[in-house]
Amino acid sequence: MTEQPPYQAILAEGSAVPTLQCGHCRSILSRARIFRNERDNQQAIQCKTIGLCSADDCGAVNCCDEALSRIEDPERLLSLAS
């Protein structure tokens, strides 16, 4: 069985607050489940920032690098994570 590569998170269009969506099911990725891919959180994928989808029947791993690059201040989004 081969491991599923990560999906690419999507930046929600027209949102007043930068919001990322799951590249698989399009659910909103909770800021609490977006994290840096480093140290204790290190995953075996080539992404700097990972978002885990919490939608029922999804649970996809999302690479957030491209979506975050489209935000003026991505560090602000990550600092809002609870």
C-alpha atoms as a PDB file:
ATOM      1  CA  MET A   1       0.000   0.000   0.000  1.00  0.00           C
ATOM      2  CA  THR A   2       1.428   3.385  -0.998  1.00  0.00           C
ATOM      3  CA  GLU A   3       1.021   6.437   1.165  1.00  0.00           C
ATOM      4  CA  GLN A   4      -1.254   9.199  -0.175  1.00  0.00           C
ATOM      5  CA  PRO A   5       0.727  12.350  -1.037  1.00  0.00           C
ATOM      6  CA  PRO A   6      -0.497  15.481   0.715  1.00  0.00           C
ATOM      7  CA  TYR A   7      -3.235  17.581  -0.859  1.00  0.00           C
ATOM      8  CA  GLN A   8      -2.610  21.251  -1.617  1.00  0.00           C
ATOM      9  CA  ALA A   9      -4.507  23.595   0.707  1.00  0.00           C
ATOM     10  CA  ILE A  10      -6.514  26.320  -1.001  1.00  0.00           C
ATOM     11  CA  LEU A  11      -6.757  29.967   0.038  1.00  0.00           C
ATOM     12  CA  ALA A  12     -10.467  30.807   0.345  1.00  0.00           C
ATOM     13  CA  GLU A  13     -11.408  33.624  -2.030  1.00  0.00           C
ATOM     14  CA  GLY A  14     -13.215  36.701  -0.744  1.00  0.00           C
ATOM     15  CA  SER A  15     -12.691  35.928   2.931  1.00  0.00           C
ATOM     16  CA  ALA A  16     -12.151  38.937   5.225  1.00  0.00           C
ATOM     17  CA  VAL A  17      -9.748  36.851   7.319  1.00  0.00           C
ATOM     18  CA  PRO A  18      -7.246  34.611   5.496  1.00  0.00           C
ATOM     19  CA  THR A  19      -8.781  31.147   5.509  1.00  0.00           C
ATOM     20  CA  LEU A  20      -7.359  27.893   4.185  1.00  0.00           C
ATOM     21  CA  GLN A  21      -9.501  25.082   2.815  1.00  0.00           C
ATOM     22  CA  CYS A  22      -8.730  21.384   2.480  1.00  0.00           C
ATOM     23  CA  GLY A  23      -7.557  20.498  -1.022  1.00  0.00           C
ATOM     24  CA  HIS A  24      -9.507  17.233  -0.815  1.00  0.00           C
ATOM     25  CA  CYS A  25     -12.969  18.086   0.572  1.00  0.00           C
ATOM     26  CA  ARG A  26     -12.846  21.929   0.608  1.00  0.00           C
ATOM     27  CA  SER A  27     -13.651  22.125   4.340  1.00  0.00           C
ATOM     28  CA  ILE A  28     -12.100  24.999   6.278  1.00  0.00           C
ATOM     29  CA  LEU A  29      -8.818  24.021   7.905  1.00  0.00           C
ATOM     30  CA  SER A  30      -8.869  24.924  11.584  1.00  0.00           C
ATOM     31  CA  ARG A  31      -5.994  27.193  12.581  1.00  0.00           C
ATOM     32  CA  ALA A  32      -5.483  24.894  15.563  1.00  0.00           C
ATOM     33  CA  ARG A  33      -4.579  22.106  13.095  1.00  0.00           C
ATOM     34  CA  ILE A  34      -2.132  24.103  10.949  1.00  0.00           C
ATOM     35  CA  PHE A  35       1.457  23.749  12.081  1.00  0.00           C
ATOM     36  CA  ARG A  36       5.085  24.049  11.025  1.00  0.00           C
ATOM     37  CA  ASN A  37       6.651  20.838   9.782  1.00  0.00           C
ATOM     38  CA  GLU A  38       9.615  20.893  12.140  1.00  0.00           C
ATOM     39  CA  ARG A  39      11.042  19.486  15.359  1.00  0.00           C
ATOM     40  CA  ASP A  40       8.501  17.330  17.225  1.00  0.00           C
ATOM     41  CA  ASN A  41       5.900  17.867  14.494  1.00  0.00           C
ATOM     42  CA  GLN A  42       8.202  16.672  11.654  1.00  0.00           C
ATOM     43  CA  GLN A  43       6.341  14.699   8.988  1.00  0.00           C
ATOM     44  CA  ALA A  44       7.953  12.821   6.093  1.00  0.00           C
ATOM     45  CA  ILE A  45       6.671  15.220   3.418  1.00  0.00           C
ATOM     46  CA  GLN A  46       8.294  18.163   1.673  1.00  0.00           C
ATOM     47  CA  CYS A  47       6.162  20.978   3.125  1.00  0.00           C
ATOM     48  CA  LYS A  48       7.107  23.736   5.533  1.00  0.00           C
ATOM     49  CA  THR A  49       3.550  24.093   6.853  1.00  0.00           C
ATOM     50  CA  ILE A  50       0.951  21.332   7.175  1.00  0.00           C
ATOM     51  CA  GLY A  51      -2.788  21.534   7.757  1.00  0.00           C
ATOM     52  CA  LEU A  52      -4.770  18.535   8.946  1.00  0.00           C
ATOM     53  CA  CYS A  53      -8.411  18.373   7.875  1.00  0.00           C
ATOM     54  CA  SER A  54     -10.772  17.666  10.744  1.00  0.00           C
ATOM     55  CA  ALA A  55     -13.876  17.082   8.591  1.00  0.00           C
ATOM     56  CA  ASP A  56     -15.710  13.802   9.120  1.00  0.00           C
ATOM     57  CA  ASP A  57     -14.579  11.129   6.662  1.00  0.00           C
ATOM     58  CA  CYS A  58     -11.667  13.218   5.378  1.00  0.00           C
ATOM     59  CA  GLY A  59      -8.623  13.627   7.643  1.00  0.00           C
ATOM     60  CA  ALA A  60      -6.458  14.654   4.670  1.00  0.00           C
ATOM     61  CA  VAL A  61      -2.960  16.011   5.137  1.00  0.00           C
ATOM     62  CA  ASN A  62      -2.604  19.335   3.326  1.00  0.00           C
ATOM     63  CA  CYS A  63       0.551  21.143   2.287  1.00  0.00           C
ATOM     64  CA  CYS A  64      -0.139  24.817   3.008  1.00  0.00           C
ATOM     65  CA  ASP A  65       3.023  26.358   1.534  1.00  0.00           C
ATOM     66  CA  GLU A  66       1.553  27.574  -1.772  1.00  0.00           C
ATOM     67  CA  ALA A  67      -1.658  28.928  -0.205  1.00  0.00           C
ATOM     68  CA  LEU A  68       0.298  30.739   2.519  1.00  0.00           C
ATOM     69  CA  SER A  69       2.578  32.315  -0.095  1.00  0.00           C
ATOM     70  CA  ARG A  70      -0.487  34.156  -1.438  1.00  0.00           C
ATOM     71  CA  ILE A  71      -1.187  35.824   1.926  1.00  0.00           C
ATOM     72  CA  GLU A  72       0.407  39.195   2.630  1.00  0.00           C
ATOM     73  CA  ASP A  73       1.429  38.192   6.176  1.00  0.00           C
ATOM     74  CA  PRO A  74       1.353  34.400   6.613  1.00  0.00           C
ATOM     75  CA  GLU A  75       3.044  34.635  10.011  1.00  0.00           C
ATOM     76  CA  ARG A  76      -0.002  36.523  11.277  1.00  0.00           C
ATOM     77  CA  LEU A  77      -2.284  33.666  10.207  1.00  0.00           C
ATOM     78  CA  LEU A  78      -0.098  31.147  12.030  1.00  0.00           C
ATOM     79  CA  SER A  79       0.087  33.339  15.140  1.00  0.00           C
ATOM     80  CA  LEU A  80      -3.731  33.333  15.299  1.00  0.00           C
ATOM     81  CA  ALA A  81      -3.711  29.565  15.742  1.00  0.00           C
ATOM     82  CA  SER A  82      -5.120  28.561  19.068  1.00  0.00           C
END
